Structure formats: C-alpha cells, structure tokens
Amino acid sequence: MNLTVYNSAGEQVGKYEIDPSELSPKINKQLLHDAVVMYQANLRQGTFRTKNRGEVAGTTKKMYRQKGTGNARAGSRRSGVRRGGGHIFAKRPRDFGWRMPRKALQSATRMALAARLADEEVTLVESLDFDSPKTSSMAATLESLGVAGKTVLVSSDTHNGNLWKSARNIQGVTVSPVAELNALLILQPRAIVMTTAAIDAFREETKRVREGSRTKASRKQGGRTGARTSKRSRGAIQSQEEGGE
C-alpha cells in the first residue's frame, strides 16, 4: 500500500510504500486483547483500603438483650449489615500488575501498528522538527493534517524535546519515540501521526528481530542435527568394537 507523506503545512510531498504484512503476517486479536489488558492492569495503583468491622469506630456493647424484644438477635453495632458498620469484605491494597512474555509483547506491538496501517489510520509526516517549543505550531500542524480535536499519538524516531514540549499542553495528544511504543499506545488513540524516520526505524527493528529469530532457530536445528550425528557415530563405533571382539 502507498501512504501519502505530508509536510508540517499539510501539503503532499511524496508517497511511502509499505506492506502491513511486512510488520506482521497475521493479526491475533486475542494476543492484542491480552496485551492491552496487561498494560491497563499495570496502570492501576491499587492503593484503596476500607475498614472491616474490627476497625470502624463504635462500641462493642450488645445493642439489646438476646430475647424478649421481638427483634432479630444482634450483638454489634459495627456489623457489616448495619449503617456505620464495617465492610464485610474490606478492600486492601493490592498489586494488579502482571507480565506477559517479552516476545509476545513485541509481536503485539507489531500487530497493532500493522492493523492501524491496514485500516489507513496512520498519517505520515516528512518531519516534525521545531527550532523551539511552540504549542501553536504543533496545533497548526495537527490542524493541517486533519487530526485536530482527536486523540492522537505522535511518534518520532528518537526522543525530541522540542516536539514533546510543543504537544504536552494539547489535550488528547501523546508523544512517544518509536522505541517506546506498545500495543496500548498504538490502539488507544483515534489517529496516529508518525514521521517517515520513525516508521523506517520501526521496520528496521522488525527486520532485526526476525533475522535474530531465524538465526536462533537455525542454530537450534543445527544442534539437534549434530546431536543425532554424534549419537549415530557412537553407535557405529560401538558396533565395530563388538565386531572386533
């Protein structure tokens, strides 16, 4: 597919050819769901706490005598079924965080960007370099690209201080270098704005990871073949020794 490349003024300056299957041959929705749930769970603070019946203020005296009043028997004003009583299952601080395998998260990131590319929800920009932090310049750029008023992810190839300072006061805009992208950051906003250098860096990283996986697989296969060969050699030597005897 060919993506249109714009400049900061919103003018077309070229085309960029990319195949989403180059980043990920298939989209595993279950993996994307698991990755997003994990990132959202890790964002939870878990600092809540409520009081049980042993912690709330109140007397321990029996409310009224056991029998003869016509009321249901009751012993404590701090019971969880009464107003002002403690929580029956009181909340306690806890850690909601959990981790998925690193390679699964890397694969989910590639799948997320491939899905956004296939849906034509990625806008490519030639460059987003600012001489100095300027919120109005960044707002004008987003307006010219047609993504103003939306939640937007802006991604550059490296950390750009001027870019980040120019966008930090714009509501709904998130700035992240391509090395820090994950499935949640990519799937959450309504639009994505990337520089051509950023998507080039993402493709290079994808290529490097795949080549490393192929090399590791070939080494593993070679080790198995060598083990089988050495086993056969030992068997042949043992047979020759037995024949010589």
C-alpha atoms as a PDB file:
ATOM      1  CA  MET A   1       0.000   0.000   0.000  1.00  0.00           C
ATOM      2  CA  ASN A   2       1.112   3.580  -0.682  1.00  0.00           C
ATOM      3  CA  LEU A   3       0.770   6.149   2.075  1.00  0.00           C
ATOM      4  CA  THR A   4       0.787   9.870   1.375  1.00  0.00           C
ATOM      5  CA  VAL A   5       3.588  11.793   3.036  1.00  0.00           C
ATOM      6  CA  TYR A   6       2.772  15.322   4.208  1.00  0.00           C
ATOM      7  CA  ASN A   7       4.857  18.199   5.433  1.00  0.00           C
ATOM      8  CA  SER A   8       4.110  20.232   8.551  1.00  0.00           C
ATOM      9  CA  ALA A   9       1.837  22.516   6.497  1.00  0.00           C
ATOM     10  CA  GLY A  10      -0.352  19.600   5.402  1.00  0.00           C
ATOM     11  CA  GLU A  11       0.890  19.580   1.794  1.00  0.00           C
ATOM     12  CA  GLN A  12       1.583  16.318  -0.022  1.00  0.00           C
ATOM     13  CA  VAL A  13       5.297  15.861  -0.638  1.00  0.00           C
ATOM     14  CA  GLY A  14       5.529  12.223  -1.687  1.00  0.00           C
ATOM     15  CA  LYS A  15       4.471   8.611  -1.251  1.00  0.00           C
ATOM     16  CA  TYR A  16       5.631   5.887   1.112  1.00  0.00           C
ATOM     17  CA  GLU A  17       5.245   2.239   0.159  1.00  0.00           C
ATOM     18  CA  ILE A  18       4.750  -0.335   2.908  1.00  0.00           C
ATOM     19  CA  ASP A  19       3.037  -3.689   3.230  1.00  0.00           C
ATOM     20  CA  PRO A  20       1.357  -4.222   6.632  1.00  0.00           C
ATOM     21  CA  SER A  21       2.140  -7.944   6.391  1.00  0.00           C
ATOM     22  CA  GLU A  22       5.820  -6.980   6.479  1.00  0.00           C
ATOM     23  CA  LEU A  23       5.342  -5.981  10.113  1.00  0.00           C
ATOM     24  CA  SER A  24       3.032  -8.861  10.984  1.00  0.00           C
ATOM     25  CA  PRO A  25       1.756 -11.560   8.579  1.00  0.00           C
ATOM     26  CA  LYS A  26      -1.393 -12.057  10.655  1.00  0.00           C
ATOM     27  CA  ILE A  27      -3.324 -10.195  13.359  1.00  0.00           C
ATOM     28  CA  ASN A  28      -4.022 -12.166  16.532  1.00  0.00           C
ATOM     29  CA  LYS A  29      -6.871 -10.323  18.245  1.00  0.00           C
ATOM     30  CA  GLN A  30      -6.615 -12.426  21.388  1.00  0.00           C
ATOM     31  CA  LEU A  31      -2.947 -11.508  21.793  1.00  0.00           C
ATOM     32  CA  LEU A  32      -3.749  -7.823  21.304  1.00  0.00           C
ATOM     33  CA  HIS A  33      -6.537  -8.048  23.880  1.00  0.00           C
ATOM     34  CA  ASP A  34      -4.272  -9.744  26.414  1.00  0.00           C
ATOM     35  CA  ALA A  35      -1.535  -7.141  25.899  1.00  0.00           C
ATOM     36  CA  VAL A  36      -3.933  -4.201  26.299  1.00  0.00           C
ATOM     37  CA  VAL A  37      -5.469  -5.702  29.455  1.00  0.00           C
ATOM     38  CA  MET A  38      -1.989  -6.229  30.894  1.00  0.00           C
ATOM     39  CA  TYR A  39      -0.913  -2.634  30.251  1.00  0.00           C
ATOM     40  CA  GLN A  40      -4.150  -1.290  31.723  1.00  0.00           C
ATOM     41  CA  ALA A  41      -3.834  -3.541  34.779  1.00  0.00           C
ATOM     42  CA  ASN A  42      -0.279  -2.338  35.358  1.00  0.00           C
ATOM     43  CA  LEU A  43      -1.527   1.267  35.367  1.00  0.00           C
ATOM     44  CA  ARG A  44      -3.800   0.606  38.342  1.00  0.00           C
ATOM     45  CA  GLN A  45      -2.435   1.945  41.618  1.00  0.00           C
ATOM     46  CA  GLY A  46      -4.287  -0.452  43.898  1.00  0.00           C
ATOM     47  CA  THR A  47      -3.983   1.911  46.879  1.00  0.00           C
ATOM     48  CA  PHE A  48      -7.591   1.583  48.038  1.00  0.00           C
ATOM     49  CA  ARG A  49      -8.407   0.477  51.578  1.00  0.00           C
ATOM     50  CA  THR A  50     -11.642   0.238  53.580  1.00  0.00           C
ATOM     51  CA  LYS A  51     -12.338  -0.747  57.192  1.00  0.00           C
ATOM     52  CA  ASN A  52     -13.780  -4.016  58.388  1.00  0.00           C
ATOM     53  CA  ARG A  53     -15.952  -4.411  61.499  1.00  0.00           C
ATOM     54  CA  GLY A  54     -12.890  -4.604  63.713  1.00  0.00           C
ATOM     55  CA  GLU A  55     -11.541  -1.242  62.530  1.00  0.00           C
ATOM     56  CA  VAL A  56     -14.560   1.080  62.476  1.00  0.00           C
ATOM     57  CA  ALA A  57     -15.359   3.247  65.491  1.00  0.00           C
ATOM     58  CA  GLY A  58     -18.161   2.056  67.734  1.00  0.00           C
ATOM     59  CA  THR A  59     -18.992   0.315  70.977  1.00  0.00           C
ATOM     60  CA  THR A  60     -18.724  -3.406  71.495  1.00  0.00           C
ATOM     61  CA  LYS A  61     -21.709  -3.436  73.851  1.00  0.00           C
ATOM     62  CA  LYS A  62     -24.613  -5.642  72.888  1.00  0.00           C
ATOM     63  CA  MET A  63     -27.357  -3.479  71.366  1.00  0.00           C
ATOM     64  CA  TYR A  64     -30.218  -5.054  73.343  1.00  0.00           C
ATOM     65  CA  ARG A  65     -30.934  -8.217  75.218  1.00  0.00           C
ATOM     66  CA  GLN A  66     -30.961 -11.507  73.380  1.00  0.00           C
ATOM     67  CA  LYS A  67     -34.596 -12.458  73.910  1.00  0.00           C
ATOM     68  CA  GLY A  68     -37.896 -10.858  74.619  1.00  0.00           C
ATOM     69  CA  THR A  69     -37.759  -7.726  72.460  1.00  0.00           C
ATOM     70  CA  GLY A  70     -39.241  -9.182  69.275  1.00  0.00           C
ATOM     71  CA  ASN A  71     -36.255  -8.004  67.270  1.00  0.00           C
ATOM     72  CA  ALA A  72     -33.786 -10.216  65.498  1.00  0.00           C
ATOM     73  CA  ARG A  73     -30.883 -11.095  67.742  1.00  0.00           C
ATOM     74  CA  ALA A  74     -27.947  -8.719  67.296  1.00  0.00           C
ATOM     75  CA  GLY A  75     -24.642  -8.316  69.054  1.00  0.00           C
ATOM     76  CA  SER A  76     -22.642  -5.494  67.479  1.00  0.00           C
ATOM     77  CA  ARG A  77     -23.351  -2.071  66.045  1.00  0.00           C
ATOM     78  CA  ARG A  78     -20.259  -2.478  63.864  1.00  0.00           C
ATOM     79  CA  SER A  79     -21.698  -5.361  61.882  1.00  0.00           C
ATOM     80  CA  GLY A  80     -21.441  -5.014  58.124  1.00  0.00           C
ATOM     81  CA  VAL A  81     -25.220  -5.186  57.670  1.00  0.00           C
ATOM     82  CA  ARG A  82     -25.791  -2.023  59.745  1.00  0.00           C
ATOM     83  CA  ARG A  83     -25.377   1.640  58.850  1.00  0.00           C
ATOM     84  CA  GLY A  84     -21.977   2.842  60.004  1.00  0.00           C
ATOM     85  CA  GLY A  85     -20.638  -0.697  60.260  1.00  0.00           C
ATOM     86  CA  GLY A  86     -17.546  -2.086  58.630  1.00  0.00           C
ATOM     87  CA  HIS A  87     -17.292  -3.633  55.178  1.00  0.00           C
ATOM     88  CA  ILE A  88     -17.890  -7.356  55.201  1.00  0.00           C
ATOM     89  CA  PHE A  89     -15.179  -7.962  52.604  1.00  0.00           C
ATOM     90  CA  ALA A  90     -12.998  -4.911  53.218  1.00  0.00           C
ATOM     91  CA  LYS A  91     -10.724  -3.819  50.404  1.00  0.00           C
ATOM     92  CA  ARG A  92      -6.994  -3.992  50.936  1.00  0.00           C
ATOM     93  CA  PRO A  93      -4.099  -2.510  48.924  1.00  0.00           C
ATOM     94  CA  ARG A  94      -3.003  -4.912  46.224  1.00  0.00           C
ATOM     95  CA  ASP A  95      -0.852  -5.072  43.125  1.00  0.00           C
ATOM     96  CA  PHE A  96      -2.814  -5.699  39.935  1.00  0.00           C
ATOM     97  CA  GLY A  97       0.322  -5.903  37.785  1.00  0.00           C
ATOM     98  CA  TRP A  98       1.321  -8.951  35.785  1.00  0.00           C
ATOM     99  CA  ARG A  99       3.644  -9.588  32.868  1.00  0.00           C
ATOM    100  CA  MET A 100       3.401 -11.342  29.538  1.00  0.00           C
ATOM    101  CA  PRO A 101       6.401 -12.859  27.753  1.00  0.00           C
ATOM    102  CA  ARG A 102       8.651 -10.248  26.154  1.00  0.00           C
ATOM    103  CA  LYS A 103       8.400 -11.733  22.662  1.00  0.00           C
ATOM    104  CA  ALA A 104       4.608 -11.836  22.892  1.00  0.00           C
ATOM    105  CA  LEU A 105       4.514  -8.116  23.732  1.00  0.00           C
ATOM    106  CA  GLN A 106       6.896  -7.301  20.887  1.00  0.00           C
ATOM    107  CA  SER A 107       4.694  -9.275  18.499  1.00  0.00           C
ATOM    108  CA  ALA A 108       1.585  -7.483  19.812  1.00  0.00           C
ATOM    109  CA  THR A 109       3.210  -4.103  19.133  1.00  0.00           C
ATOM    110  CA  ARG A 110       3.955  -5.071  15.534  1.00  0.00           C
ATOM    111  CA  MET A 111       0.434  -6.448  15.079  1.00  0.00           C
ATOM    112  CA  ALA A 112      -1.116  -3.265  16.467  1.00  0.00           C
ATOM    113  CA  LEU A 113       0.757  -0.998  14.039  1.00  0.00           C
ATOM    114  CA  ALA A 114       0.076  -3.357  11.126  1.00  0.00           C
ATOM    115  CA  ALA A 115      -3.642  -3.242  11.944  1.00  0.00           C
ATOM    116  CA  ARG A 116      -3.683   0.565  12.090  1.00  0.00           C
ATOM    117  CA  LEU A 117      -1.797   0.741   8.788  1.00  0.00           C
ATOM    118  CA  ALA A 118      -4.241  -1.685   7.147  1.00  0.00           C
ATOM    119  CA  ASP A 119      -7.151   0.467   8.351  1.00  0.00           C
ATOM    120  CA  GLU A 120      -5.457   3.600   6.941  1.00  0.00           C
ATOM    121  CA  GLU A 121      -5.365   5.277  10.340  1.00  0.00           C
ATOM    122  CA  VAL A 122      -1.704   6.299  10.201  1.00  0.00           C
ATOM    123  CA  THR A 123      -0.646   9.690   8.832  1.00  0.00           C
ATOM    124  CA  LEU A 124       2.954  10.091   7.728  1.00  0.00           C
ATOM    125  CA  VAL A 125       4.807  13.373   8.091  1.00  0.00           C
ATOM    126  CA  GLU A 126       8.105  14.245   6.484  1.00  0.00           C
ATOM    127  CA  SER A 127       9.471  15.853   9.642  1.00  0.00           C
ATOM    128  CA  LEU A 128       8.346  17.287  12.978  1.00  0.00           C
ATOM    129  CA  ASP A 129      11.385  19.313  13.924  1.00  0.00           C
ATOM    130  CA  PHE A 130      10.806  22.551  15.829  1.00  0.00           C
ATOM    131  CA  ASP A 131      13.510  25.146  16.479  1.00  0.00           C
ATOM    132  CA  SER A 132      11.966  25.842  19.876  1.00  0.00           C
ATOM    133  CA  PRO A 133       8.960  24.602  21.851  1.00  0.00           C
ATOM    134  CA  LYS A 134       5.856  26.147  20.323  1.00  0.00           C
ATOM    135  CA  THR A 135       2.400  24.823  21.149  1.00  0.00           C
ATOM    136  CA  SER A 136       0.722  26.946  18.479  1.00  0.00           C
ATOM    137  CA  SER A 137       2.982  25.490  15.778  1.00  0.00           C
ATOM    138  CA  MET A 138       2.143  21.951  16.846  1.00  0.00           C
ATOM    139  CA  ALA A 139      -1.572  22.737  16.981  1.00  0.00           C
ATOM    140  CA  ALA A 140      -1.394  24.232  13.495  1.00  0.00           C
ATOM    141  CA  THR A 141       0.364  21.116  12.194  1.00  0.00           C
ATOM    142  CA  LEU A 142      -2.298  18.831  13.646  1.00  0.00           C
ATOM    143  CA  GLU A 143      -4.998  21.067  12.189  1.00  0.00           C
ATOM    144  CA  SER A 144      -3.427  20.922   8.725  1.00  0.00           C
ATOM    145  CA  LEU A 145      -3.191  17.118   8.945  1.00  0.00           C
ATOM    146  CA  GLY A 146      -6.879  16.839   9.817  1.00  0.00           C
ATOM    147  CA  VAL A 147      -6.442  15.237  13.233  1.00  0.00           C
ATOM    148  CA  ALA A 148      -7.155  18.237  15.463  1.00  0.00           C
ATOM    149  CA  GLY A 149      -9.726  17.577  18.171  1.00  0.00           C
ATOM    150  CA  LYS A 150      -8.987  13.834  18.199  1.00  0.00           C
ATOM    151  CA  THR A 151      -6.880  11.707  20.490  1.00  0.00           C
ATOM    152  CA  VAL A 152      -3.576  11.489  18.636  1.00  0.00           C
ATOM    153  CA  LEU A 153      -0.347   9.557  19.059  1.00  0.00           C
ATOM    154  CA  VAL A 154       2.657  11.432  17.656  1.00  0.00           C
ATOM    155  CA  SER A 155       5.722   9.262  17.179  1.00  0.00           C
ATOM    156  CA  SER A 156       9.245  10.253  16.170  1.00  0.00           C
ATOM    157  CA  ASP A 157      12.332   8.148  15.547  1.00  0.00           C
ATOM    158  CA  THR A 158      14.119   9.425  18.668  1.00  0.00           C
ATOM    159  CA  HIS A 159      13.255  11.483  21.720  1.00  0.00           C
ATOM    160  CA  ASN A 160      12.606  15.070  20.621  1.00  0.00           C
ATOM    161  CA  GLY A 161      12.399  17.526  23.492  1.00  0.00           C
ATOM    162  CA  ASN A 162      11.003  20.402  21.444  1.00  0.00           C
ATOM    163  CA  LEU A 163       8.334  18.149  19.938  1.00  0.00           C
ATOM    164  CA  TRP A 164       7.287  16.831  23.327  1.00  0.00           C
ATOM    165  CA  LYS A 165       7.140  20.317  24.896  1.00  0.00           C
ATOM    166  CA  SER A 166       5.171  21.630  21.929  1.00  0.00           C
ATOM    167  CA  ALA A 167       2.485  18.938  22.293  1.00  0.00           C
ATOM    168  CA  ARG A 168       2.250  18.381  26.048  1.00  0.00           C
ATOM    169  CA  ASN A 169      -0.369  21.117  26.591  1.00  0.00           C
ATOM    170  CA  ILE A 170      -2.656  19.926  23.794  1.00  0.00           C
ATOM    171  CA  GLN A 171      -5.481  17.800  25.139  1.00  0.00           C
ATOM    172  CA  GLY A 172      -5.558  14.230  23.839  1.00  0.00           C
ATOM    173  CA  VAL A 173      -2.098  14.327  22.240  1.00  0.00           C
ATOM    174  CA  THR A 174       0.552  11.814  23.295  1.00  0.00           C
ATOM    175  CA  VAL A 175       4.167  11.944  22.125  1.00  0.00           C
ATOM    176  CA  SER A 176       6.339   8.836  22.184  1.00  0.00           C
ATOM    177  CA  PRO A 177       9.553   7.827  20.409  1.00  0.00           C
ATOM    178  CA  VAL A 178       9.206   4.716  18.298  1.00  0.00           C
ATOM    179  CA  ALA A 179      11.356   2.663  20.689  1.00  0.00           C
ATOM    180  CA  GLU A 180       8.777   3.150  23.481  1.00  0.00           C
ATOM    181  CA  LEU A 181       5.672   2.189  21.516  1.00  0.00           C
ATOM    182  CA  ASN A 182       3.475  -0.622  22.750  1.00  0.00           C
ATOM    183  CA  ALA A 183       0.132  -2.153  21.812  1.00  0.00           C
ATOM    184  CA  LEU A 184      -1.876   0.079  24.167  1.00  0.00           C
ATOM    185  CA  LEU A 185      -0.273   3.317  22.960  1.00  0.00           C
ATOM    186  CA  ILE A 186      -0.916   2.343  19.336  1.00  0.00           C
ATOM    187  CA  LEU A 187      -4.500   1.089  19.688  1.00  0.00           C
ATOM    188  CA  GLN A 188      -5.828   3.685  22.144  1.00  0.00           C
ATOM    189  CA  PRO A 189      -5.872   6.951  20.107  1.00  0.00           C
ATOM    190  CA  ARG A 190      -8.194   7.729  17.198  1.00  0.00           C
ATOM    191  CA  ALA A 191      -5.314   8.783  14.939  1.00  0.00           C
ATOM    192  CA  ILE A 192      -1.576   8.198  14.642  1.00  0.00           C
ATOM    193  CA  VAL A 193       0.954  10.663  13.232  1.00  0.00           C
ATOM    194  CA  MET A 194       4.404   9.249  12.502  1.00  0.00           C
ATOM    195  CA  THR A 195       7.456  10.659  10.818  1.00  0.00           C
ATOM    196  CA  THR A 196       8.952   8.718   7.938  1.00  0.00           C
ATOM    197  CA  ALA A 197      12.106   8.261  10.009  1.00  0.00           C
ATOM    198  CA  ALA A 198      10.027   6.727  12.801  1.00  0.00           C
ATOM    199  CA  ILE A 199       8.342   4.147  10.597  1.00  0.00           C
ATOM    200  CA  ASP A 200      11.716   3.362   8.980  1.00  0.00           C
ATOM    201  CA  ALA A 201      13.161   2.712  12.430  1.00  0.00           C
ATOM    202  CA  PHE A 202      10.187   0.500  13.302  1.00  0.00           C
ATOM    203  CA  ARG A 203      10.690  -1.550  10.127  1.00  0.00           C
ATOM    204  CA  GLU A 204      14.401  -1.907  10.786  1.00  0.00           C
ATOM    205  CA  GLU A 205      13.741  -3.160  14.302  1.00  0.00           C
ATOM    206  CA  THR A 206      11.174  -5.644  12.973  1.00  0.00           C
ATOM    207  CA  LYS A 207      13.694  -6.898  10.416  1.00  0.00           C
ATOM    208  CA  ARG A 208      16.397  -7.255  13.078  1.00  0.00           C
ATOM    209  CA  VAL A 209      14.123  -9.232  15.395  1.00  0.00           C
ATOM    210  CA  ARG A 210      13.075 -11.616  12.630  1.00  0.00           C
ATOM    211  CA  GLU A 211      16.638 -12.208  11.473  1.00  0.00           C
ATOM    212  CA  GLY A 212      17.654 -12.924  15.058  1.00  0.00           C
ATOM    213  CA  SER A 213      14.800 -15.420  15.403  1.00  0.00           C
ATOM    214  CA  ARG A 214      15.835 -17.188  12.177  1.00  0.00           C
ATOM    215  CA  THR A 215      19.468 -17.360  13.314  1.00  0.00           C
ATOM    216  CA  LYS A 216      18.484 -18.791  16.681  1.00  0.00           C
ATOM    217  CA  ALA A 217      16.189 -21.350  15.048  1.00  0.00           C
ATOM    218  CA  SER A 218      18.916 -22.443  12.606  1.00  0.00           C
ATOM    219  CA  ARG A 219      21.415 -22.818  15.447  1.00  0.00           C
ATOM    220  CA  LYS A 220      18.935 -24.881  17.410  1.00  0.00           C
ATOM    221  CA  GLN A 221      18.240 -27.085  14.378  1.00  0.00           C
ATOM    222  CA  GLY A 222      21.966 -27.454  13.769  1.00  0.00           C
ATOM    223  CA  GLY A 223      22.496 -28.508  17.373  1.00  0.00           C
ATOM    224  CA  ARG A 224      19.835 -31.191  17.066  1.00  0.00           C
ATOM    225  CA  THR A 225      21.359 -32.479  13.829  1.00  0.00           C
ATOM    226  CA  GLY A 226      24.806 -32.565  15.409  1.00  0.00           C
ATOM    227  CA  ALA A 227      23.469 -34.465  18.399  1.00  0.00           C
ATOM    228  CA  ARG A 228      21.837 -37.053  16.162  1.00  0.00           C
ATOM    229  CA  THR A 229      25.021 -37.393  14.087  1.00  0.00           C
ATOM    230  CA  SER A 230      27.228 -37.865  17.155  1.00  0.00           C
ATOM    231  CA  LYS A 231      24.771 -40.448  18.507  1.00  0.00           C
ATOM    232  CA  ARG A 232      24.960 -42.393  15.245  1.00  0.00           C
ATOM    233  CA  SER A 233      28.759 -42.170  15.279  1.00  0.00           C
ATOM    234  CA  ARG A 234      28.920 -43.540  18.797  1.00  0.00           C
ATOM    235  CA  GLY A 235      26.605 -46.355  17.778  1.00  0.00           C
ATOM    236  CA  ALA A 236      28.786 -47.218  14.757  1.00  0.00           C
ATOM    237  CA  ILE A 237      31.975 -47.198  16.840  1.00  0.00           C
ATOM    238  CA  GLN A 238      30.352 -49.423  19.450  1.00  0.00           C
ATOM    239  CA  SER A 239      29.247 -51.873  16.710  1.00  0.00           C
ATOM    240  CA  GLN A 240      32.767 -52.022  15.275  1.00  0.00           C
ATOM    241  CA  GLU A 241      34.229 -52.732  18.696  1.00  0.00           C
ATOM    242  CA  GLU A 242      31.766 -55.504  19.309  1.00  0.00           C
ATOM    243  CA  GLY A 243      32.554 -56.996  15.865  1.00  0.00           C
ATOM    244  CA  GLY A 244      36.298 -56.870  16.543  1.00  0.00           C
ATOM    245  CA  GLU A 245      35.883 -58.830  19.741  1.00  0.00           C
END
